[in-house]
Amino acid sequence: RQQPTGPQYAPAHRQQSSPKAMARGTIKHLKRMFAPRHWMLDKLKGRWAPKPSAGPHKLRECLPLIVMLRERLKYALT
């Protein structure tokens, strides 16, 4: 038996929503466990890591300035 189709039968997460309810822009956060290993961040220190703005370069090959200041030089901790 074939399922009925149409917007009224679509699952709630697939229904078209109004433009006000949609996400705005790119994702601005990065979970710490998904950060590149060469940043050498502690896994248990927090949940979030800074997301770099790599520009025209690859996201995996860049190092955010805040990681260099906070984690390596122990500067700007608060």
N, C-alpha and C. Protein backbone atom coordinates (compact mmCIF):
# COMPACT_ATOMS: atom_id res chain seq x y z
N ARG A 1 0.84 -1.18 0.00
CA ARG A 1 0.00 0.00 0.00
C ARG A 1 0.89 1.24 0.00
N GLN A 2 0.57 2.17 -0.84
CA GLN A 2 1.39 3.36 -0.99
C GLN A 2 0.92 4.46 -0.04
N GLN A 3 1.89 5.15 0.55
CA GLN A 3 1.60 6.24 1.48
C GLN A 3 1.07 7.44 0.71
N PRO A 4 0.11 8.17 1.26
CA PRO A 4 -0.35 9.39 0.60
C PRO A 4 0.75 10.45 0.63
N THR A 5 0.81 11.26 -0.41
CA THR A 5 1.83 12.29 -0.50
C THR A 5 1.20 13.66 -0.43
N GLY A 6 2.01 14.64 -0.21
CA GLY A 6 1.52 16.01 -0.13
C GLY A 6 2.07 16.67 1.11
N PRO A 7 2.02 17.99 1.18
CA PRO A 7 2.60 18.70 2.33
C PRO A 7 1.89 18.40 3.64
N GLN A 8 0.61 18.08 3.62
CA GLN A 8 -0.09 17.81 4.86
C GLN A 8 0.28 16.45 5.44
N TYR A 9 0.86 15.55 4.63
CA TYR A 9 1.26 14.23 5.11
C TYR A 9 2.75 14.13 5.38
N ALA A 10 3.50 15.16 5.12
CA ALA A 10 4.95 15.12 5.33
C ALA A 10 5.26 15.13 6.83
N PRO A 11 6.37 14.49 7.23
CA PRO A 11 6.76 14.55 8.64
C PRO A 11 7.01 15.99 9.07
N ALA A 12 6.92 16.23 10.35
CA ALA A 12 7.02 17.60 10.87
C ALA A 12 8.37 18.23 10.56
N HIS A 13 9.46 17.44 10.57
CA HIS A 13 10.77 18.02 10.32
C HIS A 13 11.02 18.30 8.84
N ARG A 14 10.14 17.83 7.95
CA ARG A 14 10.33 18.07 6.53
C ARG A 14 9.34 19.08 5.96
N GLN A 15 8.43 19.55 6.76
CA GLN A 15 7.46 20.51 6.27
C GLN A 15 8.11 21.85 6.03
N GLN A 16 7.59 22.57 5.04
CA GLN A 16 8.08 23.90 4.76
C GLN A 16 7.67 24.82 5.91
N SER A 17 8.61 25.62 6.37
CA SER A 17 8.31 26.53 7.45
C SER A 17 8.44 27.96 6.93
N SER A 18 7.99 28.86 7.74
CA SER A 18 8.06 30.26 7.34
C SER A 18 9.51 30.73 7.38
N PRO A 19 9.86 31.77 6.62
CA PRO A 19 11.25 32.25 6.61
C PRO A 19 11.74 32.72 7.97
N LYS A 20 10.85 33.11 8.87
CA LYS A 20 11.27 33.57 10.19
C LYS A 20 11.83 32.43 11.04
N ALA A 21 11.37 31.20 10.80
CA ALA A 21 11.77 30.07 11.62
C ALA A 21 13.04 29.40 11.10
N MET A 22 13.55 29.80 9.95
CA MET A 22 14.72 29.15 9.38
C MET A 22 16.00 29.66 10.03
N ALA A 23 17.06 28.86 9.94
CA ALA A 23 18.35 29.26 10.50
C ALA A 23 18.92 30.42 9.70
N ARG A 24 19.67 31.24 10.38
CA ARG A 24 20.25 32.42 9.73
C ARG A 24 21.75 32.26 9.60
N GLY A 25 22.25 32.23 8.40
CA GLY A 25 23.69 32.22 8.17
C GLY A 25 24.33 30.86 8.39
N THR A 26 25.65 30.88 8.52
CA THR A 26 26.41 29.65 8.69
C THR A 26 26.47 29.27 10.17
N ILE A 27 26.88 28.07 10.43
CA ILE A 27 27.03 27.60 11.81
C ILE A 27 28.25 28.27 12.41
N LYS A 28 28.09 28.88 13.57
CA LYS A 28 29.17 29.67 14.15
C LYS A 28 29.86 28.98 15.32
N HIS A 29 29.54 27.72 15.56
CA HIS A 29 30.18 27.02 16.67
C HIS A 29 30.70 25.67 16.19
N LEU A 30 31.58 25.09 16.97
CA LEU A 30 32.22 23.84 16.63
C LEU A 30 32.41 23.06 17.92
N LYS A 31 31.96 21.82 17.94
CA LYS A 31 32.16 21.02 19.14
C LYS A 31 33.63 20.64 19.27
N ARG A 32 34.09 20.60 20.48
CA ARG A 32 35.51 20.39 20.76
C ARG A 32 36.00 19.04 20.25
N MET A 33 35.14 18.04 20.31
CA MET A 33 35.58 16.72 19.86
C MET A 33 35.73 16.63 18.35
N PHE A 34 35.14 17.59 17.61
CA PHE A 34 35.26 17.60 16.16
C PHE A 34 36.33 18.58 15.67
N ALA A 35 37.03 19.21 16.58
CA ALA A 35 38.11 20.12 16.21
C ALA A 35 39.29 19.29 15.71
N PRO A 36 40.11 19.83 14.82
CA PRO A 36 41.27 19.08 14.33
C PRO A 36 42.23 18.72 15.46
N ARG A 37 42.88 17.58 15.32
CA ARG A 37 43.78 17.10 16.38
C ARG A 37 45.02 17.96 16.54
N HIS A 38 45.45 18.63 15.49
CA HIS A 38 46.68 19.42 15.61
C HIS A 38 46.47 20.68 16.44
N TRP A 39 45.22 20.99 16.83
CA TRP A 39 44.99 22.10 17.76
C TRP A 39 45.36 21.69 19.17
N MET A 40 45.37 20.39 19.46
CA MET A 40 45.70 19.81 20.76
C MET A 40 44.85 20.41 21.89
N LEU A 41 43.55 20.35 21.75
CA LEU A 41 42.64 20.85 22.78
C LEU A 41 42.30 19.72 23.74
N ASP A 42 42.06 20.05 25.00
CA ASP A 42 41.64 19.05 25.98
C ASP A 42 40.21 18.63 25.68
N LYS A 43 39.94 17.34 25.80
CA LYS A 43 38.59 16.85 25.54
C LYS A 43 37.63 17.20 26.67
N LEU A 44 38.14 17.25 27.88
CA LEU A 44 37.25 17.44 29.03
C LEU A 44 37.21 18.87 29.55
N LYS A 45 37.88 19.77 28.88
CA LYS A 45 37.95 21.15 29.36
C LYS A 45 36.66 21.93 29.10
N GLY A 46 35.93 21.55 28.10
CA GLY A 46 34.67 22.23 27.78
C GLY A 46 34.00 21.53 26.62
N ARG A 47 32.85 22.02 26.23
CA ARG A 47 32.11 21.37 25.15
C ARG A 47 32.42 22.00 23.80
N TRP A 48 32.67 23.30 23.78
CA TRP A 48 32.79 24.02 22.52
C TRP A 48 34.23 24.42 22.24
N ALA A 49 34.55 24.54 20.96
CA ALA A 49 35.84 25.04 20.50
C ALA A 49 35.56 26.22 19.59
N PRO A 50 36.50 27.13 19.46
CA PRO A 50 36.28 28.27 18.56
C PRO A 50 36.26 27.79 17.11
N LYS A 51 35.33 28.31 16.33
CA LYS A 51 35.27 27.95 14.92
C LYS A 51 36.04 29.00 14.14
N PRO A 52 37.05 28.59 13.39
CA PRO A 52 37.85 29.57 12.67
C PRO A 52 37.13 30.10 11.44
N SER A 53 37.47 31.31 11.06
CA SER A 53 37.01 31.84 9.78
C SER A 53 38.21 31.74 8.85
N ALA A 54 38.26 30.68 8.08
CA ALA A 54 39.43 30.34 7.29
C ALA A 54 39.57 31.17 6.02
N GLY A 55 38.51 31.82 5.61
CA GLY A 55 38.56 32.59 4.37
C GLY A 55 38.67 31.64 3.19
N PRO A 56 39.61 31.89 2.27
CA PRO A 56 39.73 31.02 1.10
C PRO A 56 40.49 29.73 1.38
N HIS A 57 40.98 29.55 2.60
CA HIS A 57 41.78 28.38 2.93
C HIS A 57 40.90 27.26 3.49
N LYS A 58 41.47 26.08 3.64
CA LYS A 58 40.72 24.95 4.16
C LYS A 58 40.52 25.10 5.66
N LEU A 59 39.35 24.70 6.13
CA LEU A 59 39.03 24.81 7.55
C LEU A 59 39.93 23.92 8.39
N ARG A 60 40.30 22.75 7.88
CA ARG A 60 41.12 21.80 8.64
C ARG A 60 42.58 22.20 8.71
N GLU A 61 43.02 23.12 7.87
CA GLU A 61 44.43 23.49 7.85
C GLU A 61 44.72 24.81 8.57
N CYS A 62 43.71 25.43 9.16
CA CYS A 62 43.94 26.71 9.81
C CYS A 62 43.95 26.54 11.34
N LEU A 63 44.45 27.53 12.01
CA LEU A 63 44.51 27.56 13.47
C LEU A 63 43.94 28.89 13.93
N PRO A 64 42.84 28.88 14.69
CA PRO A 64 42.29 30.15 15.16
C PRO A 64 43.26 30.87 16.09
N LEU A 65 43.27 32.17 16.02
CA LEU A 65 44.17 32.97 16.84
C LEU A 65 43.88 32.79 18.32
N ILE A 66 42.61 32.62 18.69
CA ILE A 66 42.25 32.46 20.10
C ILE A 66 42.81 31.15 20.67
N VAL A 67 42.95 30.11 19.83
CA VAL A 67 43.55 28.86 20.30
C VAL A 67 45.02 29.10 20.60
N MET A 68 45.69 29.84 19.73
CA MET A 68 47.10 30.14 19.97
C MET A 68 47.28 30.96 21.24
N LEU A 69 46.45 31.98 21.44
CA LEU A 69 46.59 32.84 22.62
C LEU A 69 46.20 32.12 23.90
N ARG A 70 45.06 31.47 23.89
CA ARG A 70 44.51 30.91 25.12
C ARG A 70 45.17 29.59 25.51
N GLU A 71 45.30 28.67 24.56
CA GLU A 71 45.78 27.33 24.89
C GLU A 71 47.30 27.23 24.92
N ARG A 72 47.98 27.89 23.99
CA ARG A 72 49.43 27.77 23.93
C ARG A 72 50.14 28.76 24.85
N LEU A 73 49.77 30.04 24.74
CA LEU A 73 50.48 31.07 25.49
C LEU A 73 49.89 31.34 26.86
N LYS A 74 48.73 30.71 27.16
CA LYS A 74 48.02 30.91 28.44
C LYS A 74 47.73 32.39 28.68
N TYR A 75 47.36 33.07 27.61
CA TYR A 75 47.06 34.50 27.65
C TYR A 75 45.59 34.69 27.29
N ALA A 76 44.94 35.64 27.86
CA ALA A 76 43.51 35.93 27.60
C ALA A 76 42.64 34.74 28.01
N LEU A 77 42.85 34.23 29.20
CA LEU A 77 42.06 33.12 29.69
C LEU A 77 40.64 33.51 30.06
N THR A 78 40.43 34.76 30.45
CA THR A 78 39.08 35.22 30.80
C THR A 78 38.68 36.39 29.93
